[in-house]
Protein backbone atom coordinates (compact mmCIF):
# COMPACT_ATOMS: atom_id res chain seq x y z
CA MET A 1 114.48 102.51 126.39
CA ASN A 2 112.15 105.13 126.56
CA ASP A 3 114.98 107.76 125.34
CA ILE A 4 115.14 105.96 122.19
CA LYS A 5 112.93 105.84 119.23
CA PRO A 6 110.63 103.15 118.88
CA LEU A 7 111.28 101.33 115.46
CA HIS A 8 108.33 99.69 113.79
CA LEU A 9 108.38 97.41 111.56
CA ALA A 10 105.49 95.88 108.96
CA VAL A 11 106.49 92.87 106.51
CA PHE A 12 105.50 92.52 102.97
CA LEU A 13 104.00 89.16 101.79
CA ALA A 14 104.45 89.68 97.88
CA GLY A 15 104.29 85.62 96.38
CA PRO A 16 106.88 83.41 97.18
CA GLY A 17 109.36 86.70 98.40
CA LEU A 18 110.84 89.65 96.55
CA HIS A 19 113.32 88.75 94.96
CA ALA A 20 112.63 88.01 91.35
CA GLY A 21 114.60 84.47 91.35
CA GLY A 22 114.11 83.56 95.13
CA TRP A 23 110.68 81.60 94.46
CA ARG A 24 113.59 78.99 92.71
CA HIS A 25 115.79 78.67 95.58
CA PRO A 26 115.10 74.94 96.94
CA ASP A 27 114.29 76.72 100.62
CA THR A 28 111.25 78.57 99.10
CA HIS A 29 107.81 76.44 98.02
CA ALA A 30 106.39 78.67 95.60
CA ASP A 31 103.71 75.60 94.98
CA ARG A 32 102.19 76.56 97.71
CA LEU A 33 101.04 80.32 96.90
CA LEU A 34 97.40 78.82 96.71
CA ASP A 35 97.67 76.69 99.67
CA LEU A 36 95.99 78.09 102.70
CA SER A 37 98.52 76.17 105.47
CA PHE A 38 101.07 79.05 103.76
CA TYR A 39 99.64 81.81 104.68
CA HIS A 40 98.63 80.80 108.42
CA GLU A 41 102.47 79.28 108.86
CA PHE A 42 103.49 83.05 107.30
CA ALA A 43 101.07 84.87 109.74
CA LYS A 44 102.15 82.51 112.41
CA ILE A 45 106.04 83.01 111.95
CA SER A 46 105.44 87.30 111.52
CA GLU A 47 103.34 87.31 114.71
CA ARG A 48 106.62 85.37 116.24
CA GLY A 49 108.82 88.37 114.95
CA LEU A 50 106.58 90.71 116.53
CA PHE A 51 105.54 92.81 113.50
CA ASP A 52 103.16 95.69 113.66
CA THR A 53 101.40 94.33 110.62
CA ILE A 54 101.80 92.12 107.67
CA MET A 55 101.21 93.86 104.53
CA LEU A 56 99.78 91.95 101.63
CA VAL A 57 99.81 93.05 98.17
CA GLU A 58 97.31 93.57 95.68
CA GLN A 59 97.96 91.68 92.69
CA ILE A 60 95.04 92.27 89.28
CA ALA A 61 97.03 92.02 86.23
CA ILE A 62 99.34 89.14 84.81
CA GLY A 63 102.39 90.15 82.41
CA GLU A 64 102.89 89.44 78.99
CA SER A 65 105.03 86.80 77.65
CA HIS A 66 107.92 87.41 76.05
CA GLY A 67 110.03 84.29 74.46
CA LYS A 68 109.99 81.09 76.72
CA VAL A 69 109.35 83.03 79.84
CA VAL A 70 105.67 84.34 80.75
CA GLU A 71 105.99 86.79 84.19
CA GLU A 72 108.85 84.70 85.44
CA ARG A 73 108.33 85.66 88.77
CA PRO A 74 104.91 83.80 90.14
CA ILE A 75 102.00 86.01 91.13
CA PRO A 76 99.81 85.93 94.08
CA THR A 77 96.14 85.05 93.02
CA LEU A 78 94.38 85.01 96.22
CA ASP A 79 92.23 88.20 97.15
CA THR A 80 93.98 90.43 99.28
CA VAL A 81 90.96 90.58 102.27
CA THR A 82 90.15 87.47 102.26
CA VAL A 83 93.33 85.84 102.98
CA LEU A 84 94.07 88.12 105.60
CA ALA A 85 90.91 86.90 106.99
CA ALA A 86 92.02 83.64 107.01
CA MET A 87 95.46 84.52 108.96
CA ALA A 88 93.13 86.81 111.82
CA ALA A 89 92.19 83.31 112.67
CA VAL A 90 95.46 81.69 113.51
CA THR A 91 96.81 84.97 115.17
CA GLU A 92 96.07 86.81 117.79
CA LYS A 93 98.14 90.53 118.04
CA ILE A 94 99.62 91.29 114.47
CA GLY A 95 97.76 93.93 112.23
CA LEU A 96 96.90 92.60 109.04
CA THR A 97 96.78 95.59 105.79
CA ALA A 98 95.67 94.82 102.65
CA THR A 99 96.20 96.54 99.42
CA LEU A 100 93.38 97.76 97.63
CA SER A 101 93.10 100.26 94.64
CA THR A 102 90.85 103.37 94.62
CA THR A 103 91.54 103.19 90.64
CA TYR A 104 89.76 99.81 90.27
CA ASN A 105 87.33 99.85 93.11
CA ASP A 106 84.35 101.50 94.37
CA PRO A 107 84.51 103.29 97.55
CA PHE A 108 81.19 101.50 99.41
CA HIS A 109 82.53 98.13 98.78
CA VAL A 110 85.99 99.05 99.65
CA ALA A 111 84.40 100.60 103.27
CA LEU A 112 82.24 97.56 103.83
CA ARG A 113 85.14 94.94 103.30
CA PHE A 114 87.75 96.71 105.77
CA ALA A 115 84.93 97.22 108.26
CA ALA A 116 84.33 93.34 108.13
CA LEU A 117 88.27 92.60 108.22
CA ASP A 118 88.59 94.77 111.70
CA TYR A 119 85.59 93.16 113.18
CA ILE A 120 87.00 89.96 112.29
CA SER A 121 90.14 90.60 113.67
CA GLY A 122 89.36 92.47 116.46
CA GLY A 123 90.80 95.37 115.77
CA ARG A 124 93.36 94.66 113.63
CA ALA A 125 92.74 96.02 109.72
CA GLY A 126 94.88 98.65 107.95
CA TRP A 127 94.24 99.62 104.10
CA ASN A 128 97.44 100.21 102.00
CA ILE A 129 96.08 102.95 99.43
CA VAL A 130 97.68 102.29 95.90
CA THR A 131 96.61 104.23 92.56
CA SER A 132 97.74 100.95 90.56
CA GLN A 133 100.42 101.61 88.41
CA ASP A 134 100.36 98.98 85.73
CA ALA A 135 98.37 100.40 82.60
CA ARG A 136 97.54 96.12 81.68
CA VAL A 137 95.14 96.63 84.75
CA ALA A 138 92.77 99.09 82.58
CA LEU A 139 91.57 95.78 79.97
CA ASN A 140 90.46 93.59 83.19
CA PHE A 141 87.90 96.16 84.16
CA SER A 142 86.68 97.01 80.67
CA GLN A 143 88.70 100.76 80.60
CA GLU A 144 90.22 101.46 77.60
CA ALA A 145 93.23 103.02 79.01
CA HIS A 146 94.85 103.55 82.87
CA LEU A 147 93.53 106.98 84.28
CA ASP A 148 96.46 109.72 83.81
CA HIS A 149 98.94 110.15 87.03
CA ALA A 150 97.58 113.56 88.35
CA LEU A 151 93.67 112.22 87.42
CA ARG A 152 94.60 108.85 89.64
CA TYR A 153 95.60 110.78 92.50
CA ARG A 154 92.47 113.25 92.19
CA ARG A 155 90.40 109.99 92.41
CA ALA A 156 91.84 108.58 95.45
CA GLY A 157 91.71 111.75 97.52
CA GLU A 158 87.85 111.92 97.33
CA PHE A 159 87.85 107.88 97.40
CA VAL A 160 89.18 108.10 100.53
CA ASP A 161 86.96 110.66 101.60
CA VAL A 162 84.01 108.72 101.04
CA VAL A 163 85.26 105.42 102.40
CA LYS A 164 85.58 107.79 105.47
CA LYS A 165 82.04 108.74 105.66
CA PHE A 166 80.66 105.40 105.09
CA TRP A 167 82.66 104.51 108.03
CA ASP A 168 81.53 107.28 110.04
CA SER A 169 77.91 107.12 109.17
CA TRP A 170 77.08 104.60 112.26
CA GLU A 171 78.09 106.72 115.17
CA ASP A 172 80.14 104.75 118.29
CA ASP A 173 77.14 104.15 120.18
CA ALA A 174 74.50 103.52 117.74
CA LEU A 175 73.84 99.91 117.82
CA LEU A 176 71.95 98.71 120.92
CA ALA A 177 70.52 95.44 120.11
CA GLU A 178 68.21 95.91 123.34
CA THR A 179 66.33 92.61 122.63
CA ARG A 180 63.96 93.71 126.30
CA THR A 181 62.56 96.92 123.94
CA GLY A 182 63.38 95.38 120.31
CA ALA A 183 65.62 98.55 119.09
CA PHE A 184 68.68 97.09 117.25
CA TYR A 185 69.81 100.42 116.48
CA ASP A 186 69.69 104.39 117.28
CA ILE A 187 68.31 105.42 114.38
CA ALA A 188 69.14 109.30 114.81
CA LYS A 189 72.83 107.54 115.17
CA VAL A 190 73.34 106.39 111.71
CA HIS A 191 73.58 108.73 108.93
CA ASP A 192 73.09 108.63 105.37
CA VAL A 193 76.44 109.73 103.48
CA ASP A 194 75.34 112.01 100.61
CA HIS A 195 78.41 112.78 98.82
CA ALA A 196 78.37 115.06 95.35
CA GLY A 197 82.17 115.54 93.86
CA GLU A 198 84.51 114.76 91.11
CA PHE A 199 84.19 111.02 90.39
CA PHE A 200 81.56 109.80 92.95
CA ASN A 201 77.62 110.64 93.52
CA ILE A 202 76.68 108.37 96.24
CA SER A 203 73.52 109.01 99.00
CA GLY A 204 73.36 105.91 101.06
CA LYS A 205 74.80 104.31 104.30
CA ALA A 206 77.02 101.48 105.41
CA TYR A 207 75.34 98.25 106.65
CA THR A 208 78.27 97.53 108.70
CA PRO A 209 78.40 99.49 112.44
CA ARG A 210 81.45 101.65 112.47
CA PRO A 211 85.10 99.64 112.62
CA ILE A 212 86.44 98.49 116.13
CA GLN A 213 89.43 101.04 115.44
CA GLY A 214 87.18 104.19 114.29
CA TYR A 215 89.34 103.91 110.97
CA PRO A 216 91.17 100.81 109.95
CA VAL A 217 95.05 102.44 109.75
CA LEU A 218 95.39 103.96 106.80
CA PHE A 219 98.99 103.40 104.74
CA GLN A 220 99.59 104.74 101.28
CA ALA A 221 101.94 103.14 99.12
CA GLY A 222 104.18 106.29 96.73
CA SER A 223 107.01 108.66 96.66
CA SER A 224 105.77 111.03 94.07
CA GLU A 225 104.70 114.77 94.69
CA SER A 226 101.01 113.48 94.27
CA GLY A 227 101.88 110.43 96.24
CA LYS A 228 103.24 112.65 99.09
CA GLN A 229 100.19 115.26 99.20
CA LEU A 230 97.80 112.18 99.42
CA ALA A 231 99.53 110.61 102.27
CA ALA A 232 100.21 113.95 104.32
CA GLN A 233 96.37 114.90 103.93
CA HIS A 234 95.41 110.95 104.51
CA ALA A 235 98.18 108.44 105.72
CA GLU A 236 98.80 107.22 108.94
CA ALA A 237 101.91 105.41 107.49
CA ILE A 238 103.79 105.11 104.26
CA TYR A 239 105.45 102.47 102.47
CA THR A 240 107.68 104.00 100.04
CA ALA A 241 111.25 103.40 98.59
CA GLN A 242 114.29 105.08 98.83
CA ASP A 243 118.12 103.11 98.48
CA ASN A 244 120.34 105.29 100.42
CA LEU A 245 120.22 107.23 103.62
CA GLU A 246 120.55 110.79 102.17
CA GLU A 247 117.69 110.69 99.92
CA ALA A 248 115.37 109.00 102.65
CA GLN A 249 116.41 112.00 104.83
CA VAL A 250 115.28 114.58 102.34
CA PHE A 251 112.43 112.55 101.43
CA TYR A 252 111.48 112.22 105.42
CA GLU A 253 111.35 116.05 106.21
CA ASP A 254 110.15 116.81 103.13
CA LEU A 255 107.02 114.74 104.00
CA LYS A 256 106.84 115.35 107.64
CA GLY A 257 106.49 118.98 106.80
CA LEU A 258 103.43 118.62 104.51
CA LEU A 259 101.62 117.63 107.40
CA GLY A 260 100.80 120.99 109.27
CA ARG A 261 99.11 122.23 105.60
CA TYR A 262 96.31 119.56 106.44
CA GLY A 263 96.76 120.41 110.00
CA ARG A 264 98.55 117.02 111.23
CA ARG A 265 101.17 116.60 113.69
CA ARG A 266 104.29 114.64 112.79
CA GLU A 267 104.04 111.40 114.55
CA GLN A 268 100.59 111.17 112.82
CA LEU A 269 102.42 109.73 109.90
CA LEU A 270 104.96 107.35 110.34
CA ILE A 271 107.31 106.78 107.43
CA LEU A 272 108.41 103.01 106.73
CA PRO A 273 110.48 102.49 103.65
CA GLY A 274 111.51 98.93 102.21
CA LEU A 275 114.29 96.68 103.13
CA SER A 276 114.87 93.49 101.42
CA PRO A 277 117.77 91.33 103.51
CA VAL A 278 119.66 88.76 101.94
CA LEU A 279 121.17 87.33 105.25
CA GLY A 280 124.08 84.58 106.12
CA SER A 281 126.16 84.18 109.05
CA THR A 282 128.82 85.66 107.06
CA GLU A 283 128.90 88.00 104.50
CA SER A 284 130.28 85.67 102.23
CA GLU A 285 127.30 83.44 102.80
CA ALA A 286 125.12 86.16 102.11
CA LYS A 287 126.71 87.24 98.96
CA GLU A 288 126.70 83.38 97.93
CA LEU A 289 122.89 83.43 98.35
CA GLU A 290 122.03 86.65 95.84
CA ARG A 291 124.64 85.07 93.44
CA GLN A 292 122.58 82.08 93.22
CA PHE A 293 119.14 83.68 93.64
CA ASN A 294 120.43 86.52 90.41
CA GLU A 295 121.21 83.53 88.78
CA PHE A 296 118.02 81.99 88.73
CA VAL A 297 116.67 85.05 86.69
CA HIS A 298 116.88 84.88 83.11
CA PRO A 299 118.71 88.16 81.69
CA GLU A 300 116.20 88.64 79.62
CA TYR A 301 113.58 88.70 81.96
CA ALA A 302 115.46 90.81 84.07
CA VAL A 303 115.98 93.30 81.09
CA LYS A 304 112.09 92.90 80.35
CA LEU A 305 111.28 93.94 83.99
CA LEU A 306 113.66 97.22 83.87
CA SER A 307 112.11 98.38 80.62
CA GLY A 308 108.62 98.06 81.68
CA LEU A 309 109.35 100.09 84.70
CA LEU A 310 111.28 102.59 82.65
CA ASN A 311 108.66 102.50 79.83
CA VAL A 312 112.31 102.44 77.51
CA ASP A 313 113.07 99.06 75.29
CA LEU A 314 116.52 98.37 76.65
CA SER A 315 116.13 94.98 74.41
CA THR A 316 118.03 97.21 71.61
CA TYR A 317 121.10 98.38 73.73
CA PRO A 318 123.88 96.62 74.66
CA ILE A 319 123.14 94.57 77.94
CA ASP A 320 126.58 95.70 79.49
CA GLY A 321 126.46 99.06 78.23
CA PRO A 322 125.28 102.05 80.28
CA VAL A 323 121.69 103.05 80.74
CA PRO A 324 120.19 105.48 78.49
CA ILE A 325 119.67 108.26 80.88
CA GLY A 326 118.41 110.33 78.20
CA GLU A 327 116.06 108.10 77.37
CA ILE A 328 114.12 107.96 80.33
CA ASN A 329 110.64 110.22 81.01
CA VAL A 330 110.04 110.24 84.11
CA ALA A 331 106.99 113.16 83.67
CA ALA A 332 105.03 110.34 81.33
CA SER A 333 105.88 107.47 83.83
CA HIS A 334 102.90 105.87 85.30
CA ASN A 335 104.83 105.27 88.01
CA LYS A 336 107.17 108.44 88.48
CA SER A 337 109.18 108.47 91.85
CA ARG A 338 109.84 104.58 91.58
CA VAL A 339 111.30 105.38 87.67
CA GLN A 340 112.94 108.93 89.00
CA LEU A 341 114.63 106.65 92.10
CA LEU A 342 115.82 104.27 89.26
CA LYS A 343 117.08 107.07 87.19
CA ASP A 344 119.06 108.64 89.62
CA LEU A 345 120.71 105.45 91.31
CA ALA A 346 122.13 104.37 87.50
CA GLU A 347 123.28 108.01 87.08
CA ARG A 348 125.15 108.47 90.11
CA GLU A 349 126.25 105.09 90.15
CA ARG A 350 127.06 104.53 86.09
CA LEU A 351 125.71 101.49 85.96
CA THR A 352 125.15 99.01 83.51
CA ILE A 353 121.80 97.99 82.10
CA ARG A 354 122.44 94.46 83.34
CA GLN A 355 123.82 95.94 86.66
CA LEU A 356 120.21 97.91 86.98
CA SER A 357 118.22 94.92 86.21
CA LYS A 358 119.76 92.96 88.89
CA HIS A 359 119.07 95.86 91.51
CA VAL A 360 115.06 95.64 90.07
CA VAL A 361 114.72 91.71 90.34
CA ALA A 362 116.35 91.82 93.82
CA ALA A 363 114.34 94.33 95.45
CA SER A 364 112.34 96.06 92.92
CA GLY A 365 113.99 99.53 93.32
CA HIS A 366 114.12 99.45 97.04
CA TYR A 367 117.05 99.17 99.43
CA SER A 368 118.40 95.83 98.97
CA PHE A 369 120.58 94.97 101.75
CA VAL A 370 123.03 91.68 101.43
CA GLY A 371 125.23 90.91 104.58
CA THR A 372 124.59 89.72 108.87
CA PRO A 373 122.41 90.07 111.01
CA GLU A 374 124.45 92.44 113.15
CA GLN A 375 125.00 94.62 110.27
CA LEU A 376 121.49 94.66 109.06
CA ALA A 377 120.56 95.29 112.77
CA ASP A 378 123.27 98.70 112.62
CA LEU A 379 121.89 99.43 109.14
CA MET A 380 118.24 100.05 110.21
CA GLU A 381 119.40 101.73 114.10
CA ALA A 382 121.40 104.45 111.94
CA TRP A 383 118.31 105.37 109.71
CA ILE A 384 116.25 105.83 112.33
CA ASP A 385 118.53 107.68 114.41
CA GLN A 386 119.38 110.05 111.88
CA GLY A 387 116.05 110.77 110.84
CA ALA A 388 115.13 108.69 107.54
CA CYS A 389 112.54 106.88 108.89
CA ASP A 390 109.95 105.82 111.73
CA GLY A 391 110.85 101.83 111.00
CA PHE A 392 110.99 99.57 107.97
CA THR A 393 108.63 97.44 105.81
CA ILE A 394 110.68 94.43 105.54
CA MET A 395 110.31 92.56 102.23
CA PRO A 396 112.08 89.28 102.93
CA SER A 397 113.93 87.81 99.57
CA HIS A 398 112.21 84.60 99.37
CA TYR A 399 109.36 82.74 102.06
CA LEU A 400 109.51 81.01 104.77
CA ARG A 401 113.14 80.96 105.10
CA GLY A 402 113.81 84.46 104.56
CA LEU A 403 111.20 86.04 107.42
CA GLU A 404 112.14 82.87 109.18
CA ASP A 405 115.77 84.36 109.18
CA PHE A 406 115.18 87.88 110.04
CA VAL A 407 112.81 86.82 112.81
CA ASP A 408 115.09 84.48 114.47
CA HIS A 409 118.20 86.14 114.24
CA VAL A 410 117.50 89.83 112.85
CA VAL A 411 115.12 90.56 115.83
CA PRO A 412 116.45 89.05 118.76
CA ILE A 413 119.79 91.37 118.35
CA LEU A 414 117.32 94.47 118.32
CA GLN A 415 115.80 93.63 121.39
CA GLN A 416 119.19 92.61 122.85
CA ARG A 417 119.87 96.78 122.45
CA GLY A 418 116.60 97.79 123.72
CA ARG A 419 115.02 98.68 119.89
CA TYR A 420 112.36 96.63 119.84
CA ARG A 421 109.31 95.18 121.74
CA THR A 422 109.54 92.20 123.21
CA ALA A 423 105.49 91.58 123.55
CA TYR A 424 102.60 93.59 122.02
CA SER A 425 101.63 96.23 124.59
CA GLY A 426 97.87 96.69 122.96
CA SER A 427 95.57 94.41 120.94
CA THR A 428 94.61 96.94 117.83
CA LEU A 429 96.82 97.85 115.23
CA ARG A 430 96.41 101.53 116.18
CA ASP A 431 98.23 100.17 119.88
CA HIS A 432 100.90 98.41 117.84
CA LEU A 433 101.50 102.25 115.85
CA GLY A 434 100.97 104.16 118.85
CA LEU A 435 98.14 106.26 116.57
CA GLU A 436 95.10 107.48 117.91
CA ARG A 437 91.28 106.57 117.19
CA PRO A 438 89.74 109.22 115.12
CA ALA A 439 86.53 110.78 116.26
CA ASN A 440 83.44 109.76 114.28
CA ARG A 441 82.38 113.00 112.67
CA TRP A 442 79.05 113.04 113.71
CA SER A 443 79.38 112.49 117.51
CA ASN A 444 79.93 116.17 118.30
CA ALA A 445 77.24 117.53 115.92
CA THR A 446 74.58 114.89 117.65
CA ALA A 447 75.39 116.07 121.06
CA SER A 448 75.00 119.55 120.13
CA GLY A 449 71.91 119.11 117.69
CA VAL A 450 73.94 120.62 114.91
CA ALA A 451 74.18 118.96 111.61
CA ALA A 452 77.51 117.24 110.69
CA GLN A 453 79.35 118.62 107.42
CA THR A 454 79.38 115.53 104.93
């Protein structure tokens, strides 16, 4: 077992499941998305599957209406950190990772919300850093337009720097709570955050002591060049999208190779591409389930969804005609990495608009797997052994059945093969991922009487 590379697994929670048609299946209960018991049940099943963490997606925009269909796939409407705090109450070990945007939030509030989640959960919090790709979000935040891609990532880099400064503003031993002397904290070990940058000018300090993990684990979502630089500098795990082994291997080596630029080692960043399985006891059973899901999706919705991703109005083209490759402008996209992936896929496999739209409704550009649990375990082993990833972000097609199928049928196979844990060996998310607890930037400076750089 010690000679085998450990397999890390996150599980994705987005509404009723990843497949756009999955919510209409009889085994899915989309009407429970506002029911606390749904999230409790999801958390308990996930912890039974020994996942490193749950990753809860953030939804801060609603789709436009088109014909009789309005955002056909149900959307999550509950705040990510609030839901994960509720999950913490019914679990003991599993990590709890919330997606929060750096474009439409403030560093002070983000720092304090994640510090609170880390304390509430006993050191299991993670932050999935995104810059938000949906231009419609801007209007919800009194903004006339969505920030340019490069500008969003510059803001994100500074945003994370400021959040870390707030987490470090209390040294680890600053909290005293000495009732005998009346000293609640050591004033010399609680520091101001003085920051003057391109996007933020801050003078203050956190009112919550440093999180249990030092920093909640930093995830990052995105595979563009800007996204990779942000990940190489700050992220400890990256959730990404690759739909074939060869491209995943290239991405893996490219991103790992960037870490040295920031004085980091390869093992300090885990790469966990999205993997969306549709499982059956036989291949034909799995394919039948996929067919049912696809039939639940209105073709015009599928084309609308693909059009929005590619920023090309495909409704004017024959649905069974080729994807108009020449019309796809990756550089002008808000989501460059995903658009490039879809463009490459359509060109490589000469897909029609209908075929590519089915790919999008199934997995939003991530790897879509249809087959048996044994076949899925084979694929996962091949990817990790051939240098394509450090594990996966499992994105079940529908909840809760798709999650249960993975936990009950795939996890035991991985365990029997010695590829996956049979119990949690630690209590924090950093323990699960094998990540070090970051040192506080002030501690050594305080000990030596030198002011820390902020």
